[in-house]
Amino acid sequence: RRFGTKCAACQQGIPPTQVVRRAQDFVYHLHCFACIICSRQLATGDEFYLMEDGRLVCKEDYETAKQNEAESTAKRPRTTITAKQLETLKNAYNNSPKPARHVREQLSSETGLDMRVVQV
């Protein structure tokens, strides 16, 4: 028990007579060879991703997670400032390098720019 083969998912011992699944150097019980996200049992021929710690993720869930990650890290496009907007901002910031919030709000409404753009 102490030194026998252990399942990479549940860490329980695997008797020598039991049928197992293998993924690289990891060994799994048949019922433990499943996706950690959707819990779908993986069968021979199914495409999956093996995490470094031995956890399994089916191809569909892996690609969905990658796509969600890419969408969450996507940056918003840069704001294009027109010459008139730039002139208004320059005049305001020449008068006061650190304008108060109400001044920034007024600049935002005058220029049509977002408050964050006016501040930065």
Protein backbone atom coordinates (compact mmCIF):
# COMPACT_ATOMS: atom_id res chain seq x y z
CA ARG A 1 0.00 0.00 0.00
CA ARG A 2 2.65 2.46 1.01
CA PHE A 3 4.91 1.95 -2.02
CA GLY A 4 2.43 0.72 -4.64
CA THR A 5 1.12 2.64 -7.62
CA LYS A 6 -1.18 5.53 -6.69
CA CYS A 7 -3.87 7.21 -8.77
CA ALA A 8 -2.76 10.69 -9.87
CA ALA A 9 -6.26 12.08 -9.28
CA CYS A 10 -7.41 10.63 -5.95
CA GLN A 11 -4.02 9.51 -4.56
CA GLN A 12 -5.49 6.13 -3.55
CA GLY A 13 -3.59 2.92 -4.15
CA ILE A 14 -4.22 0.91 -7.29
CA PRO A 15 -4.17 -2.91 -6.96
CA PRO A 16 -2.09 -4.70 -9.61
CA THR A 17 -5.18 -6.50 -10.98
CA GLN A 18 -7.24 -3.33 -11.58
CA VAL A 19 -7.69 -1.84 -15.06
CA VAL A 20 -6.16 1.64 -15.31
CA ARG A 21 -5.70 4.54 -17.70
CA ARG A 22 -2.35 6.19 -18.31
CA ALA A 23 -1.34 9.66 -19.44
CA GLN A 24 2.41 10.10 -19.77
CA ASP A 25 3.86 9.06 -16.37
CA PHE A 26 0.53 9.34 -14.54
CA VAL A 27 -1.75 6.39 -13.74
CA TYR A 28 -5.50 6.74 -13.00
CA HIS A 29 -8.42 4.59 -11.90
CA LEU A 30 -10.96 4.30 -14.72
CA HIS A 31 -13.47 6.45 -12.80
CA CYS A 32 -10.80 9.07 -11.96
CA PHE A 33 -9.80 9.54 -15.62
CA ALA A 34 -12.20 12.49 -16.06
CA CYS A 35 -12.18 16.21 -16.86
CA ILE A 36 -11.77 18.33 -13.72
CA ILE A 37 -14.13 21.01 -15.09
CA CYS A 38 -17.12 19.13 -16.50
CA SER A 39 -16.43 15.74 -14.81
CA ARG A 40 -16.95 13.95 -18.13
CA GLN A 41 -15.36 10.51 -18.21
CA LEU A 42 -12.56 10.48 -20.80
CA ALA A 43 -12.36 7.45 -23.06
CA THR A 44 -9.71 6.07 -25.35
CA GLY A 45 -9.26 8.41 -28.31
CA ASP A 46 -10.67 11.49 -26.55
CA GLU A 47 -8.49 14.58 -26.85
CA PHE A 48 -7.54 16.14 -23.52
CA TYR A 49 -4.92 18.33 -21.88
CA LEU A 50 -2.76 17.07 -19.06
CA MET A 51 -1.88 19.72 -16.50
CA GLU A 52 1.52 19.68 -14.80
CA ASP A 53 0.01 18.40 -11.57
CA GLY A 54 -1.66 15.44 -13.33
CA ARG A 55 -5.15 16.94 -13.59
CA LEU A 56 -7.04 16.31 -16.83
CA VAL A 57 -9.11 18.79 -18.86
CA CYS A 58 -11.12 17.80 -21.93
CA LYS A 59 -10.31 19.66 -25.15
CA GLU A 60 -13.62 21.55 -25.22
CA ASP A 61 -13.25 22.94 -21.69
CA TYR A 62 -9.58 23.80 -22.24
CA GLU A 63 -10.33 25.77 -25.42
CA THR A 64 -13.29 27.54 -23.74
CA ALA A 65 -11.08 28.54 -20.81
CA LYS A 66 -8.35 29.81 -23.17
CA GLN A 67 -10.88 31.85 -25.15
CA ASN A 68 -12.36 33.37 -21.95
CA GLU A 69 -8.86 34.23 -20.74
CA ALA A 70 -8.01 35.93 -24.04
CA GLU A 71 -11.23 37.97 -23.93
CA SER A 72 -10.66 39.09 -20.35
CA THR A 73 -7.14 40.32 -21.07
CA ALA A 74 -8.11 42.17 -24.25
CA LYS A 75 -7.34 45.88 -24.03
CA ARG A 76 -9.75 48.53 -25.17
CA PRO A 77 -8.71 50.50 -28.25
CA ARG A 78 -6.76 53.73 -27.83
CA THR A 79 -8.78 56.95 -27.75
CA THR A 80 -8.16 59.32 -30.64
CA ILE A 81 -8.19 62.95 -29.50
CA THR A 82 -9.08 65.63 -32.02
CA ALA A 83 -7.16 68.91 -32.32
CA LYS A 84 -10.04 70.86 -30.68
CA GLN A 85 -10.22 68.41 -27.75
CA LEU A 86 -6.44 68.59 -27.30
CA GLU A 87 -6.50 72.41 -27.30
CA THR A 88 -9.26 72.42 -24.64
CA LEU A 89 -7.31 69.96 -22.46
CA LYS A 90 -4.04 71.89 -22.86
CA ASN A 91 -5.67 75.18 -21.82
CA ALA A 92 -7.28 73.58 -18.77
CA TYR A 93 -4.11 71.80 -17.65
CA ASN A 94 -1.98 74.95 -18.20
CA ASN A 95 -4.32 76.79 -15.80
CA SER A 96 -4.19 73.98 -13.25
CA PRO A 97 -1.85 70.96 -13.58
CA LYS A 98 -4.06 68.98 -11.14
CA PRO A 99 -7.66 70.05 -11.78
CA ALA A 100 -10.35 69.17 -9.24
CA ARG A 101 -12.92 66.52 -9.97
CA HIS A 102 -15.66 68.98 -10.94
CA VAL A 103 -13.26 70.63 -13.43
CA ARG A 104 -12.43 67.22 -14.94
CA GLU A 105 -16.14 66.43 -15.17
CA GLN A 106 -16.73 69.72 -16.97
CA LEU A 107 -13.83 68.97 -19.37
CA SER A 108 -15.29 65.55 -19.99
CA SER A 109 -18.68 66.97 -20.94
CA GLU A 110 -17.12 69.76 -23.06
CA THR A 111 -14.82 67.46 -25.03
CA GLY A 112 -17.03 64.37 -25.12
CA LEU A 113 -14.16 62.28 -23.74
CA ASP A 114 -14.38 59.74 -20.95
CA MET A 115 -13.46 60.97 -17.44
CA ARG A 116 -10.52 58.56 -17.32
CA VAL A 117 -9.14 59.91 -20.62
CA VAL A 118 -9.38 63.48 -19.32
CA GLN A 119 -7.58 62.51 -16.12
CA VAL A 120 -4.76 60.61 -17.81
